Amino acid sequence: MTSPAESRIQLANSDLTVFPLNLGGNVFGWTADEQQSFEILDAYAAAGGDFVDTADVYSMWAPGNPGGVSEEIIGRWMTARGNRDEVVVATKVGGHPDATGLSAGAIRKAAEASLRRLATDHVDLLYTHFDDPSVPVEEFLGELDALVREGKVRHIAASNISAERLEEALLASDRDGLARYVAIQPHYNLVSRDTYEGSLADSAARHGLAALPYYALAAGFLTGKYRPGVEVDSPRSGGAGEHLVSARGQQVLAALDTVAEKRAVSVTAVALAWLRAQRTVAAPVVSARTVAQLATLLDSVSLVLDSDEVSLLTAASD
């Protein structure tokens, strides 16, 4: 593996320098309890990792989870370790029932609540989690700009946004001198390419935005553990299994196996290396329920595919 110093990358159009693997906090307080979450975060930091992703809504789908539990766990971990200045924290607003949507009031309420849960006075990257077509871009950008000017947010980003809405927001930021998106978080991986490739990727490249894809491993399918006739005990097995029955999924698995065997690395590492080789992609978002799972993810950081390997994988996915 490359050293942490060699692995760090700068997010375009920002002063954020981060580890090229973005640790997703969606499992914290869901499939990983607080002790397990601390162990995962400790192992990630020990490997040089410093870029943690969460959201105010994580993980409301778990029974008894009111949302915000992931933020609370991360906040307690940073407090216990005294490492807030060493961690790049990204969270999202707009999806929590207590502050839904992108009105100025909802953004303000959600951001303040996230800061309390994270036990910090600022977040490094604040996403609008979902677009809200009912709110003019000028309104939500104005409130985000206010948070930046107050020092409560360093940079802003957008998750789940269309190319058209992204262009509208960037134009308004430039025209009105408001805070400007520096990154986007699309659904993007080797078997789910249609949402990002095309107009959204074109916009990101044209405006110099970093892409930080979620579902980078297609709910676990791109780890290679889902095979015909194999039972996998995972809360995500339903989503991953959908790819198993498709021709594209089978072709991708075969190509991943070929490259993984040639390089003597895991299928997981190859899938993430392919993603990092795509234009504008900076740091895929990945999550781990155990330290052992994290170790496999970390192996991908040192893997750089050659052009033939990238082409083989891309062709299998076409």
C-alpha atoms as a PDB file:
ATOM      1  CA  MET A   1       0.000   0.000   0.000  1.00  0.00           C
ATOM      2  CA  THR A   2       1.156   3.538  -0.664  1.00  0.00           C
ATOM      3  CA  SER A   3       1.891   5.664   2.375  1.00  0.00           C
ATOM      4  CA  PRO A   4      -0.853   7.962   3.732  1.00  0.00           C
ATOM      5  CA  ALA A   5       1.079  11.020   2.569  1.00  0.00           C
ATOM      6  CA  GLU A   6       1.299   9.671  -0.982  1.00  0.00           C
ATOM      7  CA  SER A   7      -2.359   8.644  -0.998  1.00  0.00           C
ATOM      8  CA  ARG A   8      -3.917  12.003  -0.211  1.00  0.00           C
ATOM      9  CA  ILE A   9      -5.638  13.909  -2.997  1.00  0.00           C
ATOM     10  CA  GLN A  10      -7.065  17.394  -3.286  1.00  0.00           C
ATOM     11  CA  LEU A  11     -10.745  17.816  -4.022  1.00  0.00           C
ATOM     12  CA  ALA A  12     -11.016  20.049  -7.047  1.00  0.00           C
ATOM     13  CA  ASN A  13     -11.924  23.699  -6.432  1.00  0.00           C
ATOM     14  CA  SER A  14     -11.411  23.372  -2.680  1.00  0.00           C
ATOM     15  CA  ASP A  15      -8.700  23.387  -0.043  1.00  0.00           C
ATOM     16  CA  LEU A  16      -9.750  19.921   1.162  1.00  0.00           C
ATOM     17  CA  THR A  17      -7.028  17.285   0.883  1.00  0.00           C
ATOM     18  CA  VAL A  18      -8.367  13.813   1.612  1.00  0.00           C
ATOM     19  CA  PHE A  19      -7.697  10.096   1.613  1.00  0.00           C
ATOM     20  CA  PRO A  20      -8.895   8.569  -1.694  1.00  0.00           C
ATOM     21  CA  LEU A  21     -11.324   6.218   0.057  1.00  0.00           C
ATOM     22  CA  ASN A  22     -14.286   7.965   1.687  1.00  0.00           C
ATOM     23  CA  LEU A  23     -15.509   5.984   4.730  1.00  0.00           C
ATOM     24  CA  GLY A  24     -19.290   5.812   4.750  1.00  0.00           C
ATOM     25  CA  GLY A  25     -20.994   6.135   8.128  1.00  0.00           C
ATOM     26  CA  ASN A  26     -24.384   4.758   7.079  1.00  0.00           C
ATOM     27  CA  VAL A  27     -23.700   1.479   8.950  1.00  0.00           C
ATOM     28  CA  PHE A  28     -22.859   3.197  12.251  1.00  0.00           C
ATOM     29  CA  GLY A  29     -25.769   2.577  14.591  1.00  0.00           C
ATOM     30  CA  TRP A  30     -27.292   0.153  12.093  1.00  0.00           C
ATOM     31  CA  THR A  31     -25.257  -2.971  11.263  1.00  0.00           C
ATOM     32  CA  ALA A  32     -22.317  -1.768  13.372  1.00  0.00           C
ATOM     33  CA  ASP A  33     -22.949  -0.819  16.992  1.00  0.00           C
ATOM     34  CA  GLU A  34     -21.000   1.971  18.685  1.00  0.00           C
ATOM     35  CA  GLN A  35     -18.086  -0.214  19.779  1.00  0.00           C
ATOM     36  CA  GLN A  36     -17.749  -1.750  16.324  1.00  0.00           C
ATOM     37  CA  SER A  37     -18.023   1.689  14.746  1.00  0.00           C
ATOM     38  CA  PHE A  38     -15.190   2.990  16.932  1.00  0.00           C
ATOM     39  CA  GLU A  39     -13.051  -0.006  15.941  1.00  0.00           C
ATOM     40  CA  ILE A  40     -13.693   0.626  12.249  1.00  0.00           C
ATOM     41  CA  LEU A  41     -12.988   4.347  12.573  1.00  0.00           C
ATOM     42  CA  ASP A  42      -9.791   3.632  14.534  1.00  0.00           C
ATOM     43  CA  ALA A  43      -8.546   1.176  11.907  1.00  0.00           C
ATOM     44  CA  TYR A  44      -9.382   3.578   9.099  1.00  0.00           C
ATOM     45  CA  ALA A  45      -7.496   6.415  10.805  1.00  0.00           C
ATOM     46  CA  ALA A  46      -4.530   4.133  11.542  1.00  0.00           C
ATOM     47  CA  ALA A  47      -4.285   3.379   7.804  1.00  0.00           C
ATOM     48  CA  GLY A  48      -4.143   7.089   6.997  1.00  0.00           C
ATOM     49  CA  GLY A  49      -7.859   7.541   6.374  1.00  0.00           C
ATOM     50  CA  ASP A  50      -9.316  10.934   7.256  1.00  0.00           C
ATOM     51  CA  PHE A  51     -12.485  11.384   5.151  1.00  0.00           C
ATOM     52  CA  VAL A  52     -15.743  10.338   6.856  1.00  0.00           C
ATOM     53  CA  ASP A  53     -19.182  10.590   5.245  1.00  0.00           C
ATOM     54  CA  THR A  54     -22.524  10.607   7.053  1.00  0.00           C
ATOM     55  CA  ALA A  55     -25.975  12.258   6.960  1.00  0.00           C
ATOM     56  CA  ASP A  56     -28.570  13.582   9.358  1.00  0.00           C
ATOM     57  CA  VAL A  57     -30.962  10.834   8.280  1.00  0.00           C
ATOM     58  CA  TYR A  58     -28.596   7.854   8.919  1.00  0.00           C
ATOM     59  CA  SER A  59     -29.915   5.342   9.588  1.00  0.00           C
ATOM     60  CA  MET A  60     -33.649   5.797   9.988  1.00  0.00           C
ATOM     61  CA  TRP A  61     -34.394   2.572   8.138  1.00  0.00           C
ATOM     62  CA  ALA A  62     -33.081   0.607  11.131  1.00  0.00           C
ATOM     63  CA  PRO A  63     -35.743  -0.214  13.771  1.00  0.00           C
ATOM     64  CA  GLY A  64     -35.615   2.271  16.625  1.00  0.00           C
ATOM     65  CA  ASN A  65     -33.142   4.577  14.872  1.00  0.00           C
ATOM     66  CA  PRO A  66     -34.480   8.166  14.810  1.00  0.00           C
ATOM     67  CA  GLY A  67     -31.841   9.391  12.386  1.00  0.00           C
ATOM     68  CA  GLY A  68     -28.676  11.218  13.322  1.00  0.00           C
ATOM     69  CA  VAL A  69     -27.267   8.266  15.276  1.00  0.00           C
ATOM     70  CA  SER A  70     -24.371   7.919  12.843  1.00  0.00           C
ATOM     71  CA  GLU A  71     -23.480  11.571  13.391  1.00  0.00           C
ATOM     72  CA  GLU A  72     -23.640  11.094  17.151  1.00  0.00           C
ATOM     73  CA  ILE A  73     -21.309   8.092  17.038  1.00  0.00           C
ATOM     74  CA  ILE A  74     -18.805   9.931  14.859  1.00  0.00           C
ATOM     75  CA  GLY A  75     -19.002  12.946  17.160  1.00  0.00           C
ATOM     76  CA  ARG A  76     -18.338  10.828  20.235  1.00  0.00           C
ATOM     77  CA  TRP A  77     -15.458   9.083  18.486  1.00  0.00           C
ATOM     78  CA  MET A  78     -13.783  12.381  17.523  1.00  0.00           C
ATOM     79  CA  THR A  79     -14.274  13.701  21.058  1.00  0.00           C
ATOM     80  CA  ALA A  80     -12.828  10.541  22.615  1.00  0.00           C
ATOM     81  CA  ARG A  81      -9.830  10.540  20.278  1.00  0.00           C
ATOM     82  CA  GLY A  82      -9.306  14.314  20.288  1.00  0.00           C
ATOM     83  CA  ASN A  83      -8.796  14.235  16.532  1.00  0.00           C
ATOM     84  CA  ARG A  84     -11.424  16.610  15.124  1.00  0.00           C
ATOM     85  CA  ASP A  85      -8.805  18.687  13.286  1.00  0.00           C
ATOM     86  CA  GLU A  86      -7.453  15.556  11.620  1.00  0.00           C
ATOM     87  CA  VAL A  87     -10.779  14.392  10.177  1.00  0.00           C
ATOM     88  CA  VAL A  88     -12.582  15.732   7.103  1.00  0.00           C
ATOM     89  CA  VAL A  89     -16.255  15.390   8.018  1.00  0.00           C
ATOM     90  CA  ALA A  90     -18.963  15.346   5.364  1.00  0.00           C
ATOM     91  CA  THR A  91     -22.651  15.241   6.229  1.00  0.00           C
ATOM     92  CA  LYS A  92     -25.938  15.878   4.449  1.00  0.00           C
ATOM     93  CA  VAL A  93     -29.105  17.833   5.110  1.00  0.00           C
ATOM     94  CA  GLY A  94     -32.565  17.800   3.613  1.00  0.00           C
ATOM     95  CA  GLY A  95     -33.775  14.272   4.298  1.00  0.00           C
ATOM     96  CA  HIS A  96     -34.539  14.199   8.021  1.00  0.00           C
ATOM     97  CA  PRO A  97     -38.248  14.401   8.937  1.00  0.00           C
ATOM     98  CA  ASP A  98     -37.522  17.198  11.423  1.00  0.00           C
ATOM     99  CA  ALA A  99     -36.031  19.377   8.674  1.00  0.00           C
ATOM    100  CA  THR A 100     -37.072  18.090   5.276  1.00  0.00           C
ATOM    101  CA  GLY A 101     -36.331  19.842   2.014  1.00  0.00           C
ATOM    102  CA  LEU A 102     -34.102  22.742   1.045  1.00  0.00           C
ATOM    103  CA  SER A 103     -35.922  25.810   2.301  1.00  0.00           C
ATOM    104  CA  ALA A 104     -33.649  28.241   4.099  1.00  0.00           C
ATOM    105  CA  GLY A 105     -35.280  27.379   7.410  1.00  0.00           C
ATOM    106  CA  ALA A 106     -34.943  23.623   6.901  1.00  0.00           C
ATOM    107  CA  ILE A 107     -31.276  23.902   5.954  1.00  0.00           C
ATOM    108  CA  ARG A 108     -30.507  26.081   8.967  1.00  0.00           C
ATOM    109  CA  LYS A 109     -32.330  23.776  11.384  1.00  0.00           C
ATOM    110  CA  ALA A 110     -30.763  20.632   9.942  1.00  0.00           C
ATOM    111  CA  ALA A 111     -27.236  22.047   9.863  1.00  0.00           C
ATOM    112  CA  GLU A 112     -27.391  23.269  13.456  1.00  0.00           C
ATOM    113  CA  ALA A 113     -28.707  19.865  14.586  1.00  0.00           C
ATOM    114  CA  SER A 114     -25.909  18.073  12.729  1.00  0.00           C
ATOM    115  CA  LEU A 115     -23.292  20.259  14.380  1.00  0.00           C
ATOM    116  CA  ARG A 116     -24.690  19.385  17.810  1.00  0.00           C
ATOM    117  CA  ARG A 117     -24.724  15.670  17.073  1.00  0.00           C
ATOM    118  CA  LEU A 118     -21.216  15.751  15.640  1.00  0.00           C
ATOM    119  CA  ALA A 119     -20.016  17.743  18.667  1.00  0.00           C
ATOM    120  CA  THR A 120     -18.191  20.218  16.451  1.00  0.00           C
ATOM    121  CA  ASP A 121     -18.416  23.861  15.463  1.00  0.00           C
ATOM    122  CA  HIS A 122     -18.103  23.172  11.738  1.00  0.00           C
ATOM    123  CA  VAL A 123     -18.399  20.518   9.046  1.00  0.00           C
ATOM    124  CA  ASP A 124     -15.910  20.364   6.208  1.00  0.00           C
ATOM    125  CA  LEU A 125     -18.331  19.369   3.464  1.00  0.00           C
ATOM    126  CA  LEU A 126     -22.102  19.866   3.664  1.00  0.00           C
ATOM    127  CA  TYR A 127     -24.289  18.189   1.048  1.00  0.00           C
ATOM    128  CA  THR A 128     -27.798  18.939  -0.041  1.00  0.00           C
ATOM    129  CA  HIS A 129     -28.901  15.309   0.238  1.00  0.00           C
ATOM    130  CA  PHE A 130     -31.762  15.441  -2.259  1.00  0.00           C
ATOM    131  CA  ASP A 131     -32.870  18.123  -4.647  1.00  0.00           C
ATOM    132  CA  ASP A 132     -36.013  20.049  -3.754  1.00  0.00           C
ATOM    133  CA  PRO A 133     -37.522  21.444  -6.983  1.00  0.00           C
ATOM    134  CA  SER A 134     -39.998  23.520  -4.977  1.00  0.00           C
ATOM    135  CA  VAL A 135     -37.178  25.756  -3.703  1.00  0.00           C
ATOM    136  CA  PRO A 136     -35.330  28.173  -6.010  1.00  0.00           C
ATOM    137  CA  VAL A 137     -31.596  27.534  -6.127  1.00  0.00           C
ATOM    138  CA  GLU A 138     -30.997  31.089  -4.956  1.00  0.00           C
ATOM    139  CA  GLU A 139     -32.820  30.371  -1.674  1.00  0.00           C
ATOM    140  CA  PHE A 140     -30.934  27.264  -0.608  1.00  0.00           C
ATOM    141  CA  LEU A 141     -27.603  28.548  -1.916  1.00  0.00           C
ATOM    142  CA  GLY A 142     -28.151  31.755   0.040  1.00  0.00           C
ATOM    143  CA  GLU A 143     -28.562  29.826   3.289  1.00  0.00           C
ATOM    144  CA  LEU A 144     -25.618  27.559   2.527  1.00  0.00           C
ATOM    145  CA  ASP A 145     -23.548  30.646   1.767  1.00  0.00           C
ATOM    146  CA  ALA A 146     -24.535  32.122   5.128  1.00  0.00           C
ATOM    147  CA  LEU A 147     -23.351  28.960   6.898  1.00  0.00           C
ATOM    148  CA  VAL A 148     -20.032  29.162   5.048  1.00  0.00           C
ATOM    149  CA  ARG A 149     -19.592  32.823   5.949  1.00  0.00           C
ATOM    150  CA  GLU A 150     -20.337  32.020   9.605  1.00  0.00           C
ATOM    151  CA  GLY A 151     -17.591  29.374   9.587  1.00  0.00           C
ATOM    152  CA  LYS A 152     -20.015  26.536  10.284  1.00  0.00           C
ATOM    153  CA  VAL A 153     -19.383  24.944   6.880  1.00  0.00           C
ATOM    154  CA  ARG A 154     -16.159  24.956   4.882  1.00  0.00           C
ATOM    155  CA  HIS A 155     -17.475  23.779   1.500  1.00  0.00           C
ATOM    156  CA  ILE A 156     -20.780  22.666  -0.017  1.00  0.00           C
ATOM    157  CA  ALA A 157     -21.680  19.757  -2.279  1.00  0.00           C
ATOM    158  CA  ALA A 158     -24.721  18.079  -3.824  1.00  0.00           C
ATOM    159  CA  SER A 159     -25.963  14.507  -3.696  1.00  0.00           C
ATOM    160  CA  ASN A 160     -28.678  13.092  -5.960  1.00  0.00           C
ATOM    161  CA  ILE A 161     -28.854  16.087  -8.267  1.00  0.00           C
ATOM    162  CA  SER A 162     -29.588  16.259 -11.994  1.00  0.00           C
ATOM    163  CA  ALA A 163     -27.228  17.850 -14.487  1.00  0.00           C
ATOM    164  CA  GLU A 164     -29.807  20.538 -15.237  1.00  0.00           C
ATOM    165  CA  ARG A 165     -30.286  21.527 -11.613  1.00  0.00           C
ATOM    166  CA  LEU A 166     -26.530  21.405 -11.011  1.00  0.00           C
ATOM    167  CA  GLU A 167     -25.925  23.791 -13.904  1.00  0.00           C
ATOM    168  CA  GLU A 168     -28.629  26.114 -12.588  1.00  0.00           C
ATOM    169  CA  ALA A 169     -27.082  26.158  -9.117  1.00  0.00           C
ATOM    170  CA  LEU A 170     -23.537  26.758 -10.359  1.00  0.00           C
ATOM    171  CA  LEU A 171     -24.739  29.610 -12.577  1.00  0.00           C
ATOM    172  CA  ALA A 172     -26.534  31.233  -9.625  1.00  0.00           C
ATOM    173  CA  SER A 173     -23.457  30.881  -7.393  1.00  0.00           C
ATOM    174  CA  ASP A 174     -21.222  32.530  -9.978  1.00  0.00           C
ATOM    175  CA  ARG A 175     -23.730  35.248 -10.793  1.00  0.00           C
ATOM    176  CA  ASP A 176     -24.614  36.160  -7.221  1.00  0.00           C
ATOM    177  CA  GLY A 177     -21.281  35.503  -5.528  1.00  0.00           C
ATOM    178  CA  LEU A 178     -22.650  32.672  -3.390  1.00  0.00           C
ATOM    179  CA  ALA A 179     -20.927  29.565  -2.073  1.00  0.00           C
ATOM    180  CA  ARG A 180     -20.377  27.126  -4.929  1.00  0.00           C
ATOM    181  CA  TYR A 181     -20.638  23.361  -5.015  1.00  0.00           C
ATOM    182  CA  VAL A 182     -17.182  21.752  -5.094  1.00  0.00           C
ATOM    183  CA  ALA A 183     -18.321  18.129  -5.304  1.00  0.00           C
ATOM    184  CA  ILE A 184     -21.215  15.852  -6.149  1.00  0.00           C
ATOM    185  CA  GLN A 185     -22.171  12.444  -4.763  1.00  0.00           C
ATOM    186  CA  PRO A 186     -23.848  10.368  -7.471  1.00  0.00           C
ATOM    187  CA  HIS A 187     -24.980   6.742  -7.506  1.00  0.00           C
ATOM    188  CA  TYR A 188     -22.185   5.252  -9.613  1.00  0.00           C
ATOM    189  CA  ASN A 189     -20.364   1.945  -9.916  1.00  0.00           C
ATOM    190  CA  LEU A 190     -19.322  -0.648 -12.462  1.00  0.00           C
ATOM    191  CA  VAL A 191     -22.850  -2.048 -12.872  1.00  0.00           C
ATOM    192  CA  SER A 192     -24.775   1.223 -12.354  1.00  0.00           C
ATOM    193  CA  ARG A 193     -23.384   3.770 -14.776  1.00  0.00           C
ATOM    194  CA  ASP A 194     -26.378   5.427 -16.425  1.00  0.00           C
ATOM    195  CA  THR A 195     -27.185   7.914 -13.646  1.00  0.00           C
ATOM    196  CA  TYR A 196     -23.768   9.538 -13.706  1.00  0.00           C
ATOM    197  CA  GLU A 197     -22.166   8.982 -17.097  1.00  0.00           C
ATOM    198  CA  GLY A 198     -23.337  11.465 -19.676  1.00  0.00           C
ATOM    199  CA  SER A 199     -24.638  14.944 -18.885  1.00  0.00           C
ATOM    200  CA  LEU A 200     -23.942  14.852 -15.126  1.00  0.00           C
ATOM    201  CA  ALA A 201     -20.345  13.690 -15.567  1.00  0.00           C
ATOM    202  CA  ASP A 202     -19.940  16.260 -18.347  1.00  0.00           C
ATOM    203  CA  SER A 203     -21.107  19.035 -16.020  1.00  0.00           C
ATOM    204  CA  ALA A 204     -18.794  17.891 -13.237  1.00  0.00           C
ATOM    205  CA  ALA A 205     -15.809  17.809 -15.596  1.00  0.00           C
ATOM    206  CA  ARG A 206     -16.624  21.154 -17.188  1.00  0.00           C
ATOM    207  CA  HIS A 207     -16.931  22.914 -13.836  1.00  0.00           C
ATOM    208  CA  GLY A 208     -14.084  21.124 -12.074  1.00  0.00           C
ATOM    209  CA  LEU A 209     -16.206  19.308  -9.495  1.00  0.00           C
ATOM    210  CA  ALA A 210     -15.031  16.177  -7.703  1.00  0.00           C
ATOM    211  CA  ALA A 211     -17.277  13.104  -7.812  1.00  0.00           C
ATOM    212  CA  LEU A 212     -17.565  11.032  -4.634  1.00  0.00           C
ATOM    213  CA  PRO A 213     -19.800   8.117  -5.696  1.00  0.00           C
ATOM    214  CA  TYR A 214     -22.020   6.221  -3.286  1.00  0.00           C
ATOM    215  CA  TYR A 215     -23.024   2.552  -3.739  1.00  0.00           C
ATOM    216  CA  ALA A 216     -19.471   2.210  -5.035  1.00  0.00           C
ATOM    217  CA  LEU A 217     -19.676  -1.575  -4.620  1.00  0.00           C
ATOM    218  CA  ALA A 218     -23.323  -1.962  -5.693  1.00  0.00           C
ATOM    219  CA  ALA A 219     -24.572  -2.964  -2.218  1.00  0.00           C
ATOM    220  CA  GLY A 220     -21.785  -5.554  -2.006  1.00  0.00           C
ATOM    221  CA  PHE A 221     -22.257  -7.194  -5.408  1.00  0.00           C
ATOM    222  CA  LEU A 222     -18.877  -5.903  -6.625  1.00  0.00           C
ATOM    223  CA  THR A 223     -17.073  -7.609  -3.745  1.00  0.00           C
ATOM    224  CA  GLY A 224     -17.556 -10.859  -5.632  1.00  0.00           C
ATOM    225  CA  LYS A 225     -19.178 -12.660  -2.710  1.00  0.00           C
ATOM    226  CA  TYR A 226     -22.524 -12.946  -4.498  1.00  0.00           C
ATOM    227  CA  ARG A 227     -22.369 -15.942  -6.833  1.00  0.00           C
ATOM    228  CA  PRO A 228     -24.981 -18.343  -8.253  1.00  0.00           C
ATOM    229  CA  GLY A 229     -26.046 -20.789  -5.562  1.00  0.00           C
ATOM    230  CA  VAL A 230     -24.298 -18.876  -2.752  1.00  0.00           C
ATOM    231  CA  GLU A 231     -26.359 -17.650   0.205  1.00  0.00           C
ATOM    232  CA  VAL A 232     -25.108 -14.363   1.705  1.00  0.00           C
ATOM    233  CA  ASP A 233     -26.324 -13.222   5.122  1.00  0.00           C
ATOM    234  CA  SER A 234     -26.483  -9.461   4.670  1.00  0.00           C
ATOM    235  CA  PRO A 235     -29.175  -6.765   4.979  1.00  0.00           C
ATOM    236  CA  ARG A 236     -28.137  -5.650   1.498  1.00  0.00           C
ATOM    237  CA  SER A 237     -28.381  -9.049  -0.188  1.00  0.00           C
ATOM    238  CA  GLY A 238     -31.615  -8.125  -1.963  1.00  0.00           C
ATOM    239  CA  GLY A 239     -30.106  -5.161  -3.779  1.00  0.00           C
ATOM    240  CA  ALA A 240     -26.911  -6.995  -4.625  1.00  0.00           C
ATOM    241  CA  GLY A 241     -28.785 -10.049  -5.843  1.00  0.00           C
ATOM    242  CA  GLU A 242     -30.544  -8.039  -8.545  1.00  0.00           C
ATOM    243  CA  HIS A 243     -27.251  -7.732 -10.417  1.00  0.00           C
ATOM    244  CA  LEU A 244     -26.519 -11.437 -10.116  1.00  0.00           C
ATOM    245  CA  VAL A 245     -29.357 -12.414 -12.463  1.00  0.00           C
ATOM    246  CA  SER A 246     -28.443  -9.910 -15.190  1.00  0.00           C
ATOM    247  CA  ALA A 247     -26.160 -10.583 -18.141  1.00  0.00           C
ATOM    248  CA  ARG A 248     -24.234  -7.418 -17.334  1.00  0.00           C
ATOM    249  CA  GLY A 249     -23.652  -8.579 -13.775  1.00  0.00           C
ATOM    250  CA  GLN A 250     -22.281 -11.937 -14.907  1.00  0.00           C
ATOM    251  CA  GLN A 251     -20.007 -10.307 -17.493  1.00  0.00           C
ATOM    252  CA  VAL A 252     -18.676  -7.840 -14.940  1.00  0.00           C
ATOM    253  CA  LEU A 253     -17.949 -10.582 -12.398  1.00  0.00           C
ATOM    254  CA  ALA A 254     -16.020 -12.544 -15.018  1.00  0.00           C
ATOM    255  CA  ALA A 255     -13.948  -9.480 -15.973  1.00  0.00           C
ATOM    256  CA  LEU A 256     -13.314  -8.627 -12.319  1.00  0.00           C
ATOM    257  CA  ASP A 257     -12.163 -12.194 -11.669  1.00  0.00           C
ATOM    258  CA  THR A 258      -9.759 -12.000 -14.603  1.00  0.00           C
ATOM    259  CA  VAL A 259      -8.109  -8.788 -13.425  1.00  0.00           C
ATOM    260  CA  ALA A 260      -8.116  -9.810  -9.757  1.00  0.00           C
ATOM    261  CA  GLU A 261      -6.386 -13.106 -10.546  1.00  0.00           C
ATOM    262  CA  LYS A 262      -3.808 -11.386 -12.755  1.00  0.00           C
ATOM    263  CA  ARG A 263      -3.018  -8.796 -10.078  1.00  0.00           C
ATOM    264  CA  ALA A 264      -3.367 -11.182  -7.108  1.00  0.00           C
ATOM    265  CA  VAL A 265      -5.784  -8.790  -5.398  1.00  0.00           C
ATOM    266  CA  SER A 266      -9.422  -8.944  -4.346  1.00  0.00           C
ATOM    267  CA  VAL A 267     -12.370  -8.356  -6.664  1.00  0.00           C
ATOM    268  CA  THR A 268     -13.316  -5.508  -4.329  1.00  0.00           C
ATOM    269  CA  ALA A 269     -10.001  -3.722  -4.909  1.00  0.00           C
ATOM    270  CA  VAL A 270     -10.370  -4.036  -8.680  1.00  0.00           C
ATOM    271  CA  ALA A 271     -13.937  -2.655  -8.674  1.00  0.00           C
ATOM    272  CA  LEU A 272     -12.894   0.377  -6.622  1.00  0.00           C
ATOM    273  CA  ALA A 273      -9.762   0.943  -8.719  1.00  0.00           C
ATOM    274  CA  TRP A 274     -11.922   0.997 -11.857  1.00  0.00           C
ATOM    275  CA  LEU A 275     -14.141   3.625 -10.256  1.00  0.00           C
ATOM    276  CA  ARG A 276     -11.185   5.794  -9.229  1.00  0.00           C
ATOM    277  CA  ALA A 277      -9.915   5.621 -12.821  1.00  0.00           C
ATOM    278  CA  GLN A 278     -13.042   7.360 -14.130  1.00  0.00           C
ATOM    279  CA  ARG A 279     -12.996  11.059 -14.904  1.00  0.00           C
ATOM    280  CA  THR A 280     -13.741  13.416 -12.017  1.00  0.00           C
ATOM    281  CA  VAL A 281     -13.974  10.540  -9.477  1.00  0.00           C
ATOM    282  CA  ALA A 282     -11.921  11.437  -6.412  1.00  0.00           C
ATOM    283  CA  ALA A 283     -12.844   9.177  -3.492  1.00  0.00           C
ATOM    284  CA  PRO A 284     -15.552   6.487  -3.677  1.00  0.00           C
ATOM    285  CA  VAL A 285     -17.766   6.160  -0.606  1.00  0.00           C
ATOM    286  CA  VAL A 286     -17.521   2.705   0.984  1.00  0.00           C
ATOM    287  CA  SER A 287     -18.708   1.296   4.287  1.00  0.00           C
ATOM    288  CA  ALA A 288     -17.619  -1.629   6.436  1.00  0.00           C
ATOM    289  CA  ARG A 289     -19.361  -3.532   9.236  1.00  0.00           C
ATOM    290  CA  THR A 290     -16.112  -5.017  10.538  1.00  0.00           C
ATOM    291  CA  VAL A 291     -12.413  -4.219  10.629  1.00  0.00           C
ATOM    292  CA  ALA A 292     -11.793  -7.258   8.397  1.00  0.00           C
ATOM    293  CA  GLN A 293     -14.099  -5.826   5.728  1.00  0.00           C
ATOM    294  CA  LEU A 294     -12.347  -2.477   6.010  1.00  0.00           C
ATOM    295  CA  ALA A 295      -8.929  -4.080   5.422  1.00  0.00           C
ATOM    296  CA  THR A 296     -10.131  -5.397   2.057  1.00  0.00           C
ATOM    297  CA  LEU A 297     -11.411  -1.950   1.089  1.00  0.00           C
ATOM    298  CA  LEU A 298      -8.140  -0.302   2.065  1.00  0.00           C
ATOM    299  CA  ASP A 299      -6.219  -2.648  -0.244  1.00  0.00           C
ATOM    300  CA  SER A 300      -7.775  -0.814  -3.189  1.00  0.00           C
ATOM    301  CA  VAL A 301      -5.967   2.450  -2.447  1.00  0.00           C
ATOM    302  CA  SER A 302      -2.623   1.214  -3.782  1.00  0.00           C
ATOM    303  CA  LEU A 303      -4.071  -0.438  -6.899  1.00  0.00           C
ATOM    304  CA  VAL A 304      -3.809   1.465 -10.182  1.00  0.00           C
ATOM    305  CA  LEU A 305      -5.230  -0.316 -13.215  1.00  0.00           C
ATOM    306  CA  ASP A 306      -3.603  -0.014 -16.627  1.00  0.00           C
ATOM    307  CA  SER A 307      -5.604   1.158 -19.641  1.00  0.00           C
ATOM    308  CA  ASP A 308      -6.201  -2.378 -20.931  1.00  0.00           C
ATOM    309  CA  GLU A 309      -7.637  -3.467 -17.593  1.00  0.00           C
ATOM    310  CA  VAL A 310      -9.914  -0.431 -17.410  1.00  0.00           C
ATOM    311  CA  SER A 311     -11.086  -1.087 -20.967  1.00  0.00           C
ATOM    312  CA  LEU A 312     -11.779  -4.767 -20.245  1.00  0.00           C
ATOM    313  CA  LEU A 313     -13.940  -3.901 -17.252  1.00  0.00           C
ATOM    314  CA  THR A 314     -15.732  -1.076 -19.041  1.00  0.00           C
ATOM    315  CA  ALA A 315     -16.520  -3.289 -22.033  1.00  0.00           C
ATOM    316  CA  ALA A 316     -17.925  -5.992 -19.739  1.00  0.00           C
ATOM    317  CA  SER A 317     -20.210  -3.392 -18.194  1.00  0.00           C
ATOM    318  CA  ASP A 318     -21.390  -1.800 -21.457  1.00  0.00           C
END
